[in-house]
């Protein structure tokens, strides 16, 4: 951050000198920068392929490489087999209680037959009581069966869900083996090659959104009243000669903290001045480069 600020402030002398040679009037100066993203590995293993080069334009979500996924894939197959095994153990409650329900129906018919015989004196009370006792035993047996089978079914459901969560974890790890670009932009640097071993957190490449550039300029305390967020301004690129190109820009950020002008570049009196950093968004037509000097004129 200090070196970047120094670069921006160093441009003050060069641009002020240029103003006397037909250069456009500039209220502040600085350097162009952009949003840079350092992409690191999210999995450990060998890079099976890593197909990017510096300067390559990538789209957001575009796959550029893959870390070896064999072991994770085999683990997923094992977990899926475990889920099938659990599902095969799941009891069919209706079928397993069907025999008991049929016994209950048969005993109910026998109990009703004995009750009818008792009415006409062809059976005794003991026979009816025995039938009712047997019916009650079968009913309790059915309740116990339902409870046991339901508990077993619930336990297997929890077991299946647990293995299912492990499958989801492995699928997430497999997804992270596929290296993609998080933004649409240009590859600035490449830190690994196909065939190398990588570990989680190891930097792989840096990508930057070069279509949307920002001029980080510096203004004085007196200029703060002229600058507002969202303000439209005119930005000039500096190619180191009398050539300048004009761009429309928008102020997107104004620092809340002042900075001292570095002692190495200005006079003793000017060293006491405080400056504030501002960022101005500029659409890049392909000619703006990171670190290029530029200036801004605040439209009155």
Protein backbone atom coordinates (compact mmCIF):
# COMPACT_ATOMS: atom_id res chain seq x y z
CA UNK A 1 0.00 0.00 0.00
CA UNK A 2 2.85 2.43 0.87
CA UNK A 3 4.63 1.78 -2.44
CA UNK A 4 1.39 2.32 -4.36
CA UNK A 5 0.76 5.61 -2.57
CA UNK A 6 4.34 6.64 -3.26
CA UNK A 7 3.91 5.92 -6.97
CA UNK A 8 0.78 8.05 -7.07
CA UNK A 9 2.40 10.93 -5.22
CA UNK A 10 5.57 10.75 -7.31
CA UNK A 11 3.45 11.45 -10.38
CA UNK A 12 2.73 14.96 -9.01
CA UNK A 13 6.08 16.36 -10.16
CA UNK A 14 5.94 14.81 -13.61
CA UNK A 15 2.39 15.97 -14.32
CA UNK A 16 2.91 19.47 -12.95
CA UNK A 17 5.92 19.83 -15.24
CA UNK A 18 3.86 18.62 -18.19
CA UNK A 19 1.19 21.26 -17.61
CA UNK A 20 3.54 23.88 -18.98
CA UNK A 21 3.95 21.92 -22.23
CA UNK A 22 0.37 21.94 -23.50
CA UNK A 23 -0.87 19.16 -21.21
CA UNK A 24 -4.52 19.33 -20.04
CA UNK A 25 -5.30 21.09 -16.77
CA UNK A 26 -5.40 18.53 -13.96
CA UNK A 27 -6.67 19.08 -10.43
CA UNK A 28 -5.11 15.87 -9.04
CA UNK A 29 -2.83 13.07 -10.14
CA UNK A 30 -2.23 9.42 -9.33
CA UNK A 31 -1.91 5.97 -10.85
CA UNK A 32 -4.37 3.51 -12.38
CA UNK A 33 -5.21 0.31 -10.51
CA UNK A 34 -7.86 -2.37 -10.67
CA UNK A 35 -9.49 -5.11 -8.64
CA UNK A 36 -7.00 -7.97 -8.30
CA UNK A 37 -7.90 -11.44 -6.99
CA UNK A 38 -5.30 -13.96 -5.85
CA UNK A 39 -6.70 -17.44 -6.52
CA UNK A 40 -5.38 -20.18 -4.23
CA UNK A 41 -5.86 -23.94 -4.25
CA UNK A 42 -8.82 -25.27 -2.26
CA UNK A 43 -7.62 -28.89 -2.43
CA UNK A 44 -4.35 -30.77 -2.08
CA UNK A 45 -2.91 -33.01 -4.76
CA UNK A 46 -1.28 -33.06 -8.18
CA UNK A 47 -2.36 -30.53 -10.80
CA UNK A 48 -3.62 -32.77 -13.60
CA UNK A 49 -3.85 -29.77 -15.89
CA UNK A 50 -3.53 -26.01 -15.48
CA UNK A 51 -4.34 -24.30 -18.76
CA UNK A 52 -3.70 -20.58 -18.32
CA UNK A 53 -1.03 -18.11 -19.39
CA UNK A 54 -0.28 -14.57 -18.30
CA UNK A 55 -2.32 -12.09 -20.32
CA UNK A 56 -5.12 -14.60 -20.98
CA UNK A 57 -8.67 -13.24 -20.67
CA UNK A 58 -10.89 -15.39 -18.45
CA UNK A 59 -14.62 -15.36 -17.83
CA UNK A 60 -16.11 -15.63 -14.34
CA UNK A 61 -16.55 -19.31 -13.47
CA UNK A 62 -14.35 -20.53 -16.33
CA UNK A 63 -12.45 -23.71 -15.44
CA UNK A 64 -8.68 -23.44 -15.88
CA UNK A 65 -7.35 -26.49 -14.04
CA UNK A 66 -8.08 -29.63 -12.02
CA UNK A 67 -6.44 -31.16 -8.95
CA UNK A 68 -6.32 -35.00 -8.84
CA UNK A 69 -9.77 -36.27 -7.76
CA UNK A 70 -9.28 -40.07 -7.85
CA UNK A 71 -9.22 -40.70 -4.09
CA UNK A 72 -12.19 -38.43 -3.44
CA UNK A 73 -14.18 -40.10 -6.23
CA UNK A 74 -13.48 -43.55 -4.79
CA UNK A 75 -14.56 -42.34 -1.35
CA UNK A 76 -17.80 -41.06 -2.85
CA UNK A 77 -18.48 -44.46 -4.45
CA UNK A 78 -17.88 -46.16 -1.09
CA UNK A 79 -20.31 -43.84 0.69
CA UNK A 80 -22.96 -44.32 -1.99
CA UNK A 81 -22.62 -48.10 -1.56
CA UNK A 82 -23.12 -47.63 2.20
CA UNK A 83 -26.34 -45.74 1.55
CA UNK A 84 -27.64 -48.60 -0.62
CA UNK A 85 -26.75 -51.09 2.12
CA UNK A 86 -28.62 -49.05 4.70
CA UNK A 87 -31.67 -48.74 2.46
CA UNK A 88 -31.76 -52.51 1.93
CA UNK A 89 -31.95 -52.98 5.74
CA UNK A 90 -34.97 -50.71 6.00
CA UNK A 91 -37.93 -52.82 7.25
CA UNK A 92 -41.21 -53.05 5.35
CA UNK A 93 -43.49 -52.40 8.30
CA UNK A 94 -46.74 -53.25 6.52
CA UNK A 95 -45.49 -56.65 5.37
CA UNK A 96 -43.91 -57.57 8.71
CA UNK A 97 -47.08 -56.86 10.72
CA UNK A 98 -49.42 -58.37 8.14
CA UNK A 99 -49.26 -61.86 9.77
CA UNK A 100 -50.12 -60.48 13.21
CA UNK A 101 -53.03 -58.49 11.79
CA UNK A 102 -54.31 -61.65 10.08
CA UNK A 103 -54.12 -63.53 13.40
CA UNK A 104 -56.05 -60.72 15.10
CA UNK A 105 -58.76 -60.93 12.42
CA UNK A 106 -59.01 -64.72 12.83
CA UNK A 107 -59.25 -64.49 16.66
CA UNK A 108 -61.89 -61.72 16.34
CA UNK A 109 -63.99 -64.00 14.14
CA UNK A 110 -63.58 -66.84 16.64
CA UNK A 111 -64.48 -64.56 19.54
CA UNK A 112 -67.63 -63.40 17.73
CA UNK A 113 -68.58 -67.02 16.97
CA UNK A 114 -68.17 -68.01 20.62
CA UNK A 115 -70.21 -65.00 21.74
CA UNK A 116 -73.07 -66.04 19.46
CA UNK A 117 -72.90 -69.63 20.71
CA UNK A 118 -72.95 -68.37 24.30
CA UNK A 119 -76.21 -66.58 23.63
CA UNK A 120 -77.91 -69.83 22.68
CA UNK A 121 -76.19 -71.84 25.42
CA UNK A 122 -73.89 -73.76 23.07
CA UNK A 123 -70.69 -72.35 24.64
CA UNK A 124 -69.54 -71.31 28.08
CA UNK A 125 -68.13 -68.03 29.44
CA UNK A 126 -64.62 -69.44 29.78
CA UNK A 127 -64.38 -70.02 26.05
CA UNK A 128 -65.35 -66.39 25.41
CA UNK A 129 -62.86 -65.13 28.03
CA UNK A 130 -60.07 -67.21 26.49
CA UNK A 131 -60.83 -65.77 23.04
CA UNK A 132 -60.81 -62.20 24.39
CA UNK A 133 -57.53 -62.80 26.26
CA UNK A 134 -55.91 -64.16 23.11
CA UNK A 135 -57.20 -61.16 21.16
CA UNK A 136 -55.74 -58.74 23.72
CA UNK A 137 -52.34 -60.49 23.61
CA UNK A 138 -52.23 -60.22 19.81
CA UNK A 139 -53.17 -56.54 19.93
CA UNK A 140 -50.33 -55.80 22.37
CA UNK A 141 -47.98 -57.82 20.19
CA UNK A 142 -48.99 -55.69 17.17
CA UNK A 143 -48.28 -52.47 19.09
CA UNK A 144 -44.86 -53.79 20.14
CA UNK A 145 -44.03 -54.84 16.58
CA UNK A 146 -45.00 -51.42 15.22
CA UNK A 147 -42.89 -49.67 17.86
CA UNK A 148 -39.82 -51.84 17.21
CA UNK A 149 -40.07 -51.55 13.44
CA UNK A 150 -40.66 -47.78 13.61
CA UNK A 151 -37.60 -47.30 15.82
CA UNK A 152 -35.52 -49.41 13.44
CA UNK A 153 -36.85 -47.43 10.46
CA UNK A 154 -36.02 -44.13 12.17
CA UNK A 155 -32.54 -45.28 13.14
CA UNK A 156 -31.79 -46.34 9.57
CA UNK A 157 -33.13 -42.99 8.32
CA UNK A 158 -30.69 -41.13 10.60
CA UNK A 159 -27.86 -43.42 9.50
CA UNK A 160 -28.71 -42.83 5.83
CA UNK A 161 -28.86 -39.05 6.40
CA UNK A 162 -25.46 -39.11 8.10
CA UNK A 163 -23.88 -40.92 5.17
CA UNK A 164 -25.72 -38.57 2.80
CA UNK A 165 -24.08 -35.60 4.52
CA UNK A 166 -20.68 -37.25 4.06
CA UNK A 167 -21.45 -37.68 0.34
CA UNK A 168 -22.32 -33.96 0.12
CA UNK A 169 -19.01 -33.11 1.82
CA UNK A 170 -17.06 -35.22 -0.67
CA UNK A 171 -18.98 -33.65 -3.58
CA UNK A 172 -18.02 -30.21 -2.26
CA UNK A 173 -14.38 -31.31 -2.05
CA UNK A 174 -14.59 -32.64 -5.60
CA UNK A 175 -16.01 -29.32 -6.77
CA UNK A 176 -13.11 -27.48 -5.13
CA UNK A 177 -10.67 -29.63 -7.11
CA UNK A 178 -11.86 -27.79 -10.21
CA UNK A 179 -9.97 -24.48 -10.40
CA UNK A 180 -12.06 -21.63 -11.79
CA UNK A 181 -11.70 -17.89 -12.23
CA UNK A 182 -13.78 -15.97 -9.65
CA UNK A 183 -14.12 -12.91 -11.89
CA UNK A 184 -13.98 -11.92 -15.53
CA UNK A 185 -10.54 -10.50 -16.09
CA UNK A 186 -6.98 -10.86 -17.31
CA UNK A 187 -4.39 -13.22 -15.82
CA UNK A 188 -1.63 -11.08 -14.30
CA UNK A 189 0.58 -13.83 -12.89
CA UNK A 190 0.81 -17.63 -12.86
CA UNK A 191 2.42 -19.36 -9.86
CA UNK A 192 2.10 -23.08 -10.68
CA UNK A 193 2.39 -25.51 -13.57
CA UNK A 194 0.56 -28.71 -14.54
CA UNK A 195 2.06 -31.79 -12.89
CA UNK A 196 3.16 -29.98 -9.74
CA UNK A 197 1.90 -30.88 -6.29
CA UNK A 198 -0.21 -28.23 -4.64
CA UNK A 199 -1.62 -27.81 -1.15
CA UNK A 200 -4.71 -26.09 0.17
CA UNK A 201 -4.09 -22.34 0.30
CA UNK A 202 -1.19 -22.37 -2.17
CA UNK A 203 -1.42 -19.39 -4.61
CA UNK A 204 -2.07 -20.53 -8.19
CA UNK A 205 -2.65 -17.37 -10.20
CA UNK A 206 -3.68 -13.73 -9.99
CA UNK A 207 -6.48 -12.29 -12.11
CA UNK A 208 -7.60 -8.68 -12.44
CA UNK A 209 -10.68 -6.96 -13.83
CA UNK A 210 -8.96 -4.77 -16.42
CA UNK A 211 -12.20 -3.54 -17.97
CA UNK A 212 -13.04 -1.49 -14.89
CA UNK A 213 -10.02 0.56 -13.87
CA UNK A 214 -9.64 3.02 -11.00
CA UNK A 215 -7.49 6.11 -10.83
CA UNK A 216 -6.19 6.50 -7.29
CA UNK A 217 -5.49 10.22 -7.08
CA UNK A 218 -4.57 12.55 -4.21
CA UNK A 219 -6.25 15.85 -3.37
CA UNK A 220 -5.48 18.55 -0.83
CA UNK A 221 -7.67 19.62 2.07
CA UNK A 222 -8.79 22.68 0.08
CA UNK A 223 -10.03 20.44 -2.75
CA UNK A 224 -12.25 18.28 -0.54
CA UNK A 225 -15.19 20.68 -1.00
CA UNK A 226 -14.97 20.15 -4.77
CA UNK A 227 -15.22 16.36 -4.65
CA UNK A 228 -18.28 14.23 -3.84
CA UNK A 229 -19.13 10.55 -4.16
CA UNK A 230 -20.83 9.83 -7.47
CA UNK A 231 -19.44 13.00 -9.02
CA UNK A 232 -18.67 12.82 -12.74
CA UNK A 233 -15.14 13.92 -13.60
CA UNK A 234 -12.73 13.92 -16.53
CA UNK A 235 -9.75 11.55 -16.35
CA UNK A 236 -6.59 11.82 -18.42
CA UNK A 237 -4.09 9.06 -19.10
CA UNK A 238 -0.40 9.97 -19.20
CA UNK A 239 1.80 8.06 -21.67
CA UNK A 240 4.99 9.83 -20.60
CA UNK A 241 4.93 12.18 -23.62
CA UNK A 242 2.72 15.04 -24.74
CA UNK A 243 0.09 12.44 -25.65
CA UNK A 244 -2.92 12.27 -23.32
CA UNK A 245 -6.27 10.55 -23.67
CA UNK A 246 -9.47 11.69 -22.03
CA UNK A 247 -11.97 9.41 -20.27
CA UNK A 248 -15.20 10.00 -18.34
CA UNK A 249 -14.96 8.92 -14.71
CA UNK A 250 -17.01 8.69 -11.53
CA UNK A 251 -15.75 9.25 -7.98
CA UNK A 252 -16.43 6.02 -6.06
CA UNK A 253 -14.41 6.48 -2.85
CA UNK A 254 -12.93 9.28 -0.77
CA UNK A 255 -10.55 8.43 2.06
CA UNK A 256 -11.60 9.43 5.57
CA UNK A 257 -7.97 9.63 6.65
CA UNK A 258 -5.39 12.16 5.54
CA UNK A 259 -1.82 11.24 4.64
CA UNK A 260 1.42 13.21 4.90
CA UNK A 261 3.18 13.94 1.64
CA UNK A 262 6.39 11.84 1.52
CA UNK A 263 9.49 13.85 2.58
CA UNK A 264 11.59 12.64 -0.32
CA UNK A 265 9.75 14.34 -3.17
CA UNK A 266 8.55 17.81 -2.14
CA UNK A 267 9.96 20.90 -0.43
CA UNK A 268 10.01 21.43 3.31
CA UNK A 269 6.93 23.68 3.26
CA UNK A 270 4.98 21.27 1.05
CA UNK A 271 5.87 18.35 3.32
CA UNK A 272 3.52 19.73 5.96
CA UNK A 273 0.54 19.46 3.60
CA UNK A 274 -1.97 16.67 4.05
CA UNK A 275 -3.52 14.87 1.10
CA UNK A 276 -6.55 12.58 0.77
CA UNK A 277 -6.81 9.58 -1.53
CA UNK A 278 -9.77 9.27 -3.90
CA UNK A 279 -10.73 6.50 -6.33
CA UNK A 280 -12.30 7.28 -9.68
CA UNK A 281 -13.88 4.50 -11.76
CA UNK A 282 -12.96 4.51 -15.45
CA UNK A 283 -14.04 2.11 -18.20
CA UNK A 284 -10.92 0.76 -19.89
CA UNK A 285 -10.80 0.78 -23.68
CA UNK A 286 -7.74 -1.46 -23.58
CA UNK A 287 -5.16 1.34 -23.48
CA UNK A 288 -5.07 1.87 -19.73
CA UNK A 289 -2.55 -0.27 -17.84
CA UNK A 290 -2.07 -1.01 -14.17
CA UNK A 291 0.41 1.44 -12.65
CA UNK A 292 0.07 3.98 -15.47
CA UNK A 293 0.11 7.62 -14.38
CA UNK A 294 -3.02 9.70 -14.82
CA UNK A 295 -4.73 12.89 -13.78
CA UNK A 296 -8.24 14.15 -13.12
CA UNK A 297 -10.11 17.38 -13.63
CA UNK A 298 -13.10 17.93 -11.36
CA UNK A 299 -15.90 19.24 -13.52
CA UNK A 300 -17.23 22.45 -12.02
